[in-house]
């Protein structure tokens, strides 16, 4: 068995050390296994820290699963069941995952104009992004696209939720909004819009034109990603919305 001291990141060749590569090239240049290696610090058995990081990803990715999607919601006991991952390594990884989620959600948006799908996704993310049941939410905006309120209108099952245009626009009118963005989550992380998603969007666009309250976008969120239906479909063609 390789001695424990040989398993530290600092004992790897300089060109293979994730920490040095991160400092020189930036975190984006590192693979997921290398980022995990920095958190792990040391390996286990015959595996270096980088090897253990890769082994962790392979284990989580069994049965054609997305390893990162599994890691986002993994429980401590599940993580520690993987050979080489004890309490210290598990808590370091779990703390990093939670910190990443909080950083993603932390940007203040109260007076920031919601003028892009990215900003709209950030505003909806705290309520929708990692929820394990479908939720339908609203961003209610003023004439300058500034956020007046965020509302979760309905909460459904693990696979579906319902929202009626009447309820959506009633809430927007009640709060004095002049623009709105709607969004819902797919807990699976598959952001492909369903036929029901597209049909609801068509109905909302028709109502928004009648009420002179532009629907700026419909977002689908899930597991750290989002999809803008305004960017990815032709549903807004023919509507002169800002």
C-alpha atoms as a PDB file:
ATOM      1  CA  UNK A   1       0.000   0.000   0.000  1.00  0.00           C
ATOM      2  CA  UNK A   2       1.237   3.485  -0.780  1.00  0.00           C
ATOM      3  CA  UNK A   3       2.290   5.326   2.404  1.00  0.00           C
ATOM      4  CA  UNK A   4      -0.181   7.973   3.563  1.00  0.00           C
ATOM      5  CA  UNK A   5       2.281  10.823   3.077  1.00  0.00           C
ATOM      6  CA  UNK A   6       2.504   9.976  -0.648  1.00  0.00           C
ATOM      7  CA  UNK A   7      -1.218  10.646  -1.029  1.00  0.00           C
ATOM      8  CA  UNK A   8      -1.179  14.351  -0.292  1.00  0.00           C
ATOM      9  CA  UNK A   9      -1.755  16.862  -3.090  1.00  0.00           C
ATOM     10  CA  UNK A  10       1.558  18.552  -2.272  1.00  0.00           C
ATOM     11  CA  UNK A  11       3.394  15.305  -3.142  1.00  0.00           C
ATOM     12  CA  UNK A  12       2.061  15.247  -6.693  1.00  0.00           C
ATOM     13  CA  UNK A  13       4.207  16.668  -9.530  1.00  0.00           C
ATOM     14  CA  UNK A  14       3.756  20.433  -9.774  1.00  0.00           C
ATOM     15  CA  UNK A  15       1.955  20.182 -13.120  1.00  0.00           C
ATOM     16  CA  UNK A  16      -0.609  17.807 -11.564  1.00  0.00           C
ATOM     17  CA  UNK A  17      -1.339  19.811  -8.418  1.00  0.00           C
ATOM     18  CA  UNK A  18      -4.875  21.187  -8.586  1.00  0.00           C
ATOM     19  CA  UNK A  19      -4.144  24.006  -6.138  1.00  0.00           C
ATOM     20  CA  UNK A  20      -1.257  25.341  -8.180  1.00  0.00           C
ATOM     21  CA  UNK A  21      -3.252  25.020 -11.406  1.00  0.00           C
ATOM     22  CA  UNK A  22      -6.157  26.886  -9.837  1.00  0.00           C
ATOM     23  CA  UNK A  23      -3.907  29.750  -8.773  1.00  0.00           C
ATOM     24  CA  UNK A  24      -2.234  29.963 -12.172  1.00  0.00           C
ATOM     25  CA  UNK A  25      -5.175  29.276 -14.501  1.00  0.00           C
ATOM     26  CA  UNK A  26      -8.305  29.933 -12.446  1.00  0.00           C
ATOM     27  CA  UNK A  27     -10.874  27.568 -10.984  1.00  0.00           C
ATOM     28  CA  UNK A  28     -12.718  27.208 -14.308  1.00  0.00           C
ATOM     29  CA  UNK A  29      -9.684  25.437 -15.791  1.00  0.00           C
ATOM     30  CA  UNK A  30      -9.990  22.537 -13.343  1.00  0.00           C
ATOM     31  CA  UNK A  31     -12.085  19.444 -13.847  1.00  0.00           C
ATOM     32  CA  UNK A  32     -14.713  18.479 -11.300  1.00  0.00           C
ATOM     33  CA  UNK A  33     -12.510  15.709  -9.960  1.00  0.00           C
ATOM     34  CA  UNK A  34      -9.662  18.166  -9.415  1.00  0.00           C
ATOM     35  CA  UNK A  35     -11.934  20.577  -7.557  1.00  0.00           C
ATOM     36  CA  UNK A  36     -13.031  17.709  -5.338  1.00  0.00           C
ATOM     37  CA  UNK A  37      -9.361  16.782  -4.806  1.00  0.00           C
ATOM     38  CA  UNK A  38      -8.681  20.241  -3.364  1.00  0.00           C
ATOM     39  CA  UNK A  39     -11.518  19.714  -0.892  1.00  0.00           C
ATOM     40  CA  UNK A  40     -10.407  16.171  -0.045  1.00  0.00           C
ATOM     41  CA  UNK A  41      -6.773  17.187   0.530  1.00  0.00           C
ATOM     42  CA  UNK A  42      -5.516  13.601   0.802  1.00  0.00           C
ATOM     43  CA  UNK A  43      -6.326  10.349  -0.881  1.00  0.00           C
ATOM     44  CA  UNK A  44      -7.062   6.911   0.501  1.00  0.00           C
ATOM     45  CA  UNK A  45      -5.374   3.571   0.047  1.00  0.00           C
ATOM     46  CA  UNK A  46      -3.741   3.452  -3.389  1.00  0.00           C
ATOM     47  CA  UNK A  47      -5.585   6.553  -4.608  1.00  0.00           C
ATOM     48  CA  UNK A  48      -4.214  10.078  -4.596  1.00  0.00           C
ATOM     49  CA  UNK A  49      -6.564  12.934  -3.764  1.00  0.00           C
ATOM     50  CA  UNK A  50      -7.191  13.436  -7.484  1.00  0.00           C
ATOM     51  CA  UNK A  51      -7.832   9.721  -7.914  1.00  0.00           C
ATOM     52  CA  UNK A  52     -10.219   9.702  -4.987  1.00  0.00           C
ATOM     53  CA  UNK A  53     -12.072  12.669  -6.449  1.00  0.00           C
ATOM     54  CA  UNK A  54     -12.463  10.837  -9.754  1.00  0.00           C
ATOM     55  CA  UNK A  55     -13.543   7.663  -7.959  1.00  0.00           C
ATOM     56  CA  UNK A  56     -16.151   9.656  -6.036  1.00  0.00           C
ATOM     57  CA  UNK A  57     -17.582  11.036  -9.302  1.00  0.00           C
ATOM     58  CA  UNK A  58     -17.621   7.575 -10.900  1.00  0.00           C
ATOM     59  CA  UNK A  59     -19.454   6.127  -7.903  1.00  0.00           C
ATOM     60  CA  UNK A  60     -22.053   8.900  -7.905  1.00  0.00           C
ATOM     61  CA  UNK A  61     -22.473   8.570 -11.668  1.00  0.00           C
ATOM     62  CA  UNK A  62     -23.378   4.884 -11.628  1.00  0.00           C
ATOM     63  CA  UNK A  63     -26.577   3.770 -13.368  1.00  0.00           C
ATOM     64  CA  UNK A  64     -26.279   6.651 -15.878  1.00  0.00           C
ATOM     65  CA  UNK A  65     -26.924   9.284 -13.214  1.00  0.00           C
ATOM     66  CA  UNK A  66     -25.574  12.837 -13.351  1.00  0.00           C
ATOM     67  CA  UNK A  67     -22.869  12.770 -10.670  1.00  0.00           C
ATOM     68  CA  UNK A  68     -23.170  16.482  -9.885  1.00  0.00           C
ATOM     69  CA  UNK A  69     -26.964  16.236  -9.626  1.00  0.00           C
ATOM     70  CA  UNK A  70     -26.542  13.406  -7.102  1.00  0.00           C
ATOM     71  CA  UNK A  71     -23.898  15.367  -5.211  1.00  0.00           C
ATOM     72  CA  UNK A  72     -26.109  18.461  -4.897  1.00  0.00           C
ATOM     73  CA  UNK A  73     -28.614  16.634  -2.704  1.00  0.00           C
ATOM     74  CA  UNK A  74     -26.513  13.879  -1.136  1.00  0.00           C
ATOM     75  CA  UNK A  75     -26.901  13.094   2.557  1.00  0.00           C
ATOM     76  CA  UNK A  76     -23.919  12.720   4.920  1.00  0.00           C
ATOM     77  CA  UNK A  77     -24.516   9.004   5.445  1.00  0.00           C
ATOM     78  CA  UNK A  78     -24.667   8.394   1.688  1.00  0.00           C
ATOM     79  CA  UNK A  79     -21.410  10.237   1.136  1.00  0.00           C
ATOM     80  CA  UNK A  80     -19.619   8.432   3.958  1.00  0.00           C
ATOM     81  CA  UNK A  81     -20.748   5.076   2.566  1.00  0.00           C
ATOM     82  CA  UNK A  82     -18.300   5.620  -0.314  1.00  0.00           C
ATOM     83  CA  UNK A  83     -14.910   4.014   0.478  1.00  0.00           C
ATOM     84  CA  UNK A  84     -12.302   6.610   1.363  1.00  0.00           C
ATOM     85  CA  UNK A  85     -14.818   9.276   2.421  1.00  0.00           C
ATOM     86  CA  UNK A  86     -14.914   9.674   6.199  1.00  0.00           C
ATOM     87  CA  UNK A  87     -16.624  12.304   8.348  1.00  0.00           C
ATOM     88  CA  UNK A  88     -13.938  14.977   7.785  1.00  0.00           C
ATOM     89  CA  UNK A  89     -13.970  14.678   3.985  1.00  0.00           C
ATOM     90  CA  UNK A  90     -17.763  14.356   3.864  1.00  0.00           C
ATOM     91  CA  UNK A  91     -18.377  17.476   5.938  1.00  0.00           C
ATOM     92  CA  UNK A  92     -15.886  19.474   3.848  1.00  0.00           C
ATOM     93  CA  UNK A  93     -17.656  18.491   0.625  1.00  0.00           C
ATOM     94  CA  UNK A  94     -21.136  19.138   2.042  1.00  0.00           C
ATOM     95  CA  UNK A  95     -20.076  22.539   3.388  1.00  0.00           C
ATOM     96  CA  UNK A  96     -18.682  23.493  -0.040  1.00  0.00           C
ATOM     97  CA  UNK A  97     -21.926  22.438  -1.760  1.00  0.00           C
ATOM     98  CA  UNK A  98     -24.034  24.495   0.638  1.00  0.00           C
ATOM     99  CA  UNK A  99     -21.720  27.495   0.286  1.00  0.00           C
ATOM    100  CA  UNK A 100     -22.008  27.275  -3.500  1.00  0.00           C
ATOM    101  CA  UNK A 101     -25.797  27.282  -3.271  1.00  0.00           C
ATOM    102  CA  UNK A 102     -25.769  30.308  -0.975  1.00  0.00           C
ATOM    103  CA  UNK A 103     -23.374  32.235  -3.220  1.00  0.00           C
ATOM    104  CA  UNK A 104     -25.629  31.481  -6.188  1.00  0.00           C
ATOM    105  CA  UNK A 105     -28.615  32.904  -4.327  1.00  0.00           C
ATOM    106  CA  UNK A 106     -26.938  35.824  -2.587  1.00  0.00           C
ATOM    107  CA  UNK A 107     -26.967  38.644  -5.149  1.00  0.00           C
ATOM    108  CA  UNK A 108     -29.292  41.419  -3.965  1.00  0.00           C
ATOM    109  CA  UNK A 109     -31.913  42.239  -6.571  1.00  0.00           C
ATOM    110  CA  UNK A 110     -34.316  44.593  -4.803  1.00  0.00           C
ATOM    111  CA  UNK A 111     -33.523  47.657  -6.948  1.00  0.00           C
ATOM    112  CA  UNK A 112     -31.857  45.887  -9.854  1.00  0.00           C
ATOM    113  CA  UNK A 113     -33.862  45.959 -13.096  1.00  0.00           C
ATOM    114  CA  UNK A 114     -34.772  42.400 -14.065  1.00  0.00           C
ATOM    115  CA  UNK A 115     -33.783  42.818 -17.684  1.00  0.00           C
ATOM    116  CA  UNK A 116     -32.305  39.427 -18.536  1.00  0.00           C
ATOM    117  CA  UNK A 117     -33.187  35.743 -18.054  1.00  0.00           C
ATOM    118  CA  UNK A 118     -30.092  35.373 -15.876  1.00  0.00           C
ATOM    119  CA  UNK A 119     -31.317  37.976 -13.372  1.00  0.00           C
ATOM    120  CA  UNK A 120     -34.842  36.581 -13.470  1.00  0.00           C
ATOM    121  CA  UNK A 121     -33.491  33.103 -12.718  1.00  0.00           C
ATOM    122  CA  UNK A 122     -31.488  34.450  -9.782  1.00  0.00           C
ATOM    123  CA  UNK A 123     -34.590  36.125  -8.365  1.00  0.00           C
ATOM    124  CA  UNK A 124     -36.679  32.962  -8.685  1.00  0.00           C
ATOM    125  CA  UNK A 125     -33.944  30.561  -7.570  1.00  0.00           C
ATOM    126  CA  UNK A 126     -34.393  30.803  -3.769  1.00  0.00           C
ATOM    127  CA  UNK A 127     -37.925  29.415  -4.026  1.00  0.00           C
ATOM    128  CA  UNK A 128     -37.685  27.204  -7.102  1.00  0.00           C
ATOM    129  CA  UNK A 129     -34.191  26.064  -8.017  1.00  0.00           C
ATOM    130  CA  UNK A 130     -33.689  23.124  -5.654  1.00  0.00           C
ATOM    131  CA  UNK A 131     -37.264  22.439  -4.523  1.00  0.00           C
ATOM    132  CA  UNK A 132     -38.191  18.749  -4.673  1.00  0.00           C
ATOM    133  CA  UNK A 133     -41.754  19.404  -5.819  1.00  0.00           C
ATOM    134  CA  UNK A 134     -42.881  21.612  -8.684  1.00  0.00           C
ATOM    135  CA  UNK A 135     -43.592  25.221  -7.785  1.00  0.00           C
ATOM    136  CA  UNK A 136     -44.954  28.025  -9.908  1.00  0.00           C
ATOM    137  CA  UNK A 137     -43.585  31.475  -9.119  1.00  0.00           C
ATOM    138  CA  UNK A 138     -44.000  35.061 -10.222  1.00  0.00           C
ATOM    139  CA  UNK A 139     -41.701  38.053 -10.454  1.00  0.00           C
ATOM    140  CA  UNK A 140     -43.824  41.192 -10.285  1.00  0.00           C
ATOM    141  CA  UNK A 141     -42.101  44.247 -11.748  1.00  0.00           C
ATOM    142  CA  UNK A 142     -42.718  47.957 -12.116  1.00  0.00           C
ATOM    143  CA  UNK A 143     -42.538  49.913 -15.361  1.00  0.00           C
ATOM    144  CA  UNK A 144     -38.722  50.110 -15.064  1.00  0.00           C
ATOM    145  CA  UNK A 145     -38.503  46.331 -14.576  1.00  0.00           C
ATOM    146  CA  UNK A 146     -37.584  46.726 -10.893  1.00  0.00           C
ATOM    147  CA  UNK A 147     -38.672  43.903  -8.625  1.00  0.00           C
ATOM    148  CA  UNK A 148     -41.781  44.660  -6.564  1.00  0.00           C
ATOM    149  CA  UNK A 149     -42.375  41.176  -5.182  1.00  0.00           C
ATOM    150  CA  UNK A 150     -41.673  37.490  -5.655  1.00  0.00           C
ATOM    151  CA  UNK A 151     -44.545  35.074  -5.137  1.00  0.00           C
ATOM    152  CA  UNK A 152     -44.915  31.293  -5.145  1.00  0.00           C
ATOM    153  CA  UNK A 153     -48.401  30.846  -6.496  1.00  0.00           C
ATOM    154  CA  UNK A 154     -48.821  27.074  -6.400  1.00  0.00           C
ATOM    155  CA  UNK A 155     -46.970  24.022  -5.103  1.00  0.00           C
ATOM    156  CA  UNK A 156     -47.616  20.728  -6.837  1.00  0.00           C
ATOM    157  CA  UNK A 157     -46.436  17.138  -6.632  1.00  0.00           C
ATOM    158  CA  UNK A 158     -43.013  15.842  -7.550  1.00  0.00           C
ATOM    159  CA  UNK A 159     -43.961  15.907 -11.236  1.00  0.00           C
ATOM    160  CA  UNK A 160     -46.602  18.563 -11.838  1.00  0.00           C
ATOM    161  CA  UNK A 161     -48.146  21.783 -10.666  1.00  0.00           C
ATOM    162  CA  UNK A 162     -51.067  23.880 -11.848  1.00  0.00           C
ATOM    163  CA  UNK A 163     -51.379  27.610 -12.402  1.00  0.00           C
ATOM    164  CA  UNK A 164     -54.273  29.423 -14.036  1.00  0.00           C
ATOM    165  CA  UNK A 165     -53.829  32.715 -15.922  1.00  0.00           C
ATOM    166  CA  UNK A 166     -56.655  34.211 -13.842  1.00  0.00           C
ATOM    167  CA  UNK A 167     -54.746  33.619 -10.590  1.00  0.00           C
ATOM    168  CA  UNK A 168     -51.480  34.864 -12.041  1.00  0.00           C
ATOM    169  CA  UNK A 169     -52.808  38.177 -13.297  1.00  0.00           C
ATOM    170  CA  UNK A 170     -55.021  38.688 -10.251  1.00  0.00           C
ATOM    171  CA  UNK A 171     -51.896  38.648  -8.074  1.00  0.00           C
ATOM    172  CA  UNK A 172     -50.040  40.970 -10.460  1.00  0.00           C
ATOM    173  CA  UNK A 173     -52.889  43.492 -10.493  1.00  0.00           C
ATOM    174  CA  UNK A 174     -53.315  43.290  -6.717  1.00  0.00           C
ATOM    175  CA  UNK A 175     -49.711  44.326  -6.177  1.00  0.00           C
ATOM    176  CA  UNK A 176     -49.683  47.037  -8.821  1.00  0.00           C
ATOM    177  CA  UNK A 177     -47.248  45.318 -11.191  1.00  0.00           C
ATOM    178  CA  UNK A 178     -46.948  46.488 -14.784  1.00  0.00           C
ATOM    179  CA  UNK A 179     -44.608  43.738 -16.005  1.00  0.00           C
ATOM    180  CA  UNK A 180     -44.146  40.133 -14.952  1.00  0.00           C
ATOM    181  CA  UNK A 181     -41.966  37.080 -15.363  1.00  0.00           C
ATOM    182  CA  UNK A 182     -43.298  33.627 -14.545  1.00  0.00           C
ATOM    183  CA  UNK A 183     -41.304  30.545 -13.723  1.00  0.00           C
ATOM    184  CA  UNK A 184     -41.608  27.023 -12.476  1.00  0.00           C
ATOM    185  CA  UNK A 185     -39.177  24.284 -11.597  1.00  0.00           C
ATOM    186  CA  UNK A 186     -38.581  20.774 -12.869  1.00  0.00           C
ATOM    187  CA  UNK A 187     -37.199  18.874  -9.848  1.00  0.00           C
ATOM    188  CA  UNK A 188     -35.574  16.310 -12.148  1.00  0.00           C
ATOM    189  CA  UNK A 189     -33.313  18.978 -13.644  1.00  0.00           C
ATOM    190  CA  UNK A 190     -34.623  18.249 -17.158  1.00  0.00           C
ATOM    191  CA  UNK A 191     -35.464  21.717 -18.450  1.00  0.00           C
ATOM    192  CA  UNK A 192     -37.319  20.657 -21.602  1.00  0.00           C
ATOM    193  CA  UNK A 193     -40.709  22.406 -21.643  1.00  0.00           C
ATOM    194  CA  UNK A 194     -43.733  20.111 -21.655  1.00  0.00           C
ATOM    195  CA  UNK A 195     -46.721  20.677 -23.987  1.00  0.00           C
ATOM    196  CA  UNK A 196     -48.604  21.990 -20.936  1.00  0.00           C
ATOM    197  CA  UNK A 197     -45.787  24.490 -20.238  1.00  0.00           C
ATOM    198  CA  UNK A 198     -45.974  25.793 -23.797  1.00  0.00           C
ATOM    199  CA  UNK A 199     -49.765  25.989 -23.810  1.00  0.00           C
ATOM    200  CA  UNK A 200     -49.848  27.916 -20.525  1.00  0.00           C
ATOM    201  CA  UNK A 201     -47.272  30.349 -21.950  1.00  0.00           C
ATOM    202  CA  UNK A 202     -49.447  30.936 -25.014  1.00  0.00           C
ATOM    203  CA  UNK A 203     -52.447  31.675 -22.796  1.00  0.00           C
ATOM    204  CA  UNK A 204     -50.444  34.047 -20.609  1.00  0.00           C
ATOM    205  CA  UNK A 205     -49.125  35.943 -23.620  1.00  0.00           C
ATOM    206  CA  UNK A 206     -52.648  36.421 -24.939  1.00  0.00           C
ATOM    207  CA  UNK A 207     -53.867  37.660 -21.554  1.00  0.00           C
ATOM    208  CA  UNK A 208     -50.871  39.936 -21.083  1.00  0.00           C
ATOM    209  CA  UNK A 209     -51.582  41.638 -24.400  1.00  0.00           C
ATOM    210  CA  UNK A 210     -55.242  42.189 -23.500  1.00  0.00           C
ATOM    211  CA  UNK A 211     -54.339  43.574 -20.065  1.00  0.00           C
ATOM    212  CA  UNK A 212     -51.389  45.618 -21.395  1.00  0.00           C
ATOM    213  CA  UNK A 213     -49.151  43.907 -18.818  1.00  0.00           C
ATOM    214  CA  UNK A 214     -46.206  42.413 -20.745  1.00  0.00           C
ATOM    215  CA  UNK A 215     -45.106  38.890 -19.925  1.00  0.00           C
ATOM    216  CA  UNK A 216     -41.343  39.237 -20.238  1.00  0.00           C
ATOM    217  CA  UNK A 217     -40.389  35.568 -19.952  1.00  0.00           C
ATOM    218  CA  UNK A 218     -41.289  32.123 -18.692  1.00  0.00           C
ATOM    219  CA  UNK A 219     -38.384  30.315 -17.058  1.00  0.00           C
ATOM    220  CA  UNK A 220     -37.944  26.661 -16.178  1.00  0.00           C
ATOM    221  CA  UNK A 221     -35.450  26.097 -13.347  1.00  0.00           C
ATOM    222  CA  UNK A 222     -33.925  23.019 -11.801  1.00  0.00           C
ATOM    223  CA  UNK A 223     -30.764  21.699 -10.187  1.00  0.00           C
ATOM    224  CA  UNK A 224     -28.658  24.802 -10.794  1.00  0.00           C
ATOM    225  CA  UNK A 225     -29.739  25.507 -14.377  1.00  0.00           C
ATOM    226  CA  UNK A 226     -32.507  27.383 -16.129  1.00  0.00           C
ATOM    227  CA  UNK A 227     -34.168  27.661 -19.524  1.00  0.00           C
ATOM    228  CA  UNK A 228     -35.743  30.826 -20.939  1.00  0.00           C
ATOM    229  CA  UNK A 229     -38.743  30.048 -23.133  1.00  0.00           C
ATOM    230  CA  UNK A 230     -38.501  33.521 -24.650  1.00  0.00           C
ATOM    231  CA  UNK A 231     -34.981  32.729 -25.853  1.00  0.00           C
ATOM    232  CA  UNK A 232     -35.607  29.147 -26.911  1.00  0.00           C
ATOM    233  CA  UNK A 233     -39.079  29.277 -28.501  1.00  0.00           C
ATOM    234  CA  UNK A 234     -40.918  31.434 -31.026  1.00  0.00           C
ATOM    235  CA  UNK A 235     -43.855  32.062 -28.690  1.00  0.00           C
ATOM    236  CA  UNK A 236     -43.057  35.778 -28.356  1.00  0.00           C
ATOM    237  CA  UNK A 237     -42.979  36.355 -32.108  1.00  0.00           C
ATOM    238  CA  UNK A 238     -45.614  38.911 -32.984  1.00  0.00           C
ATOM    239  CA  UNK A 239     -45.725  40.462 -29.491  1.00  0.00           C
ATOM    240  CA  UNK A 240     -44.186  43.899 -29.107  1.00  0.00           C
ATOM    241  CA  UNK A 241     -43.042  43.416 -25.512  1.00  0.00           C
ATOM    242  CA  UNK A 242     -39.934  45.173 -24.141  1.00  0.00           C
END
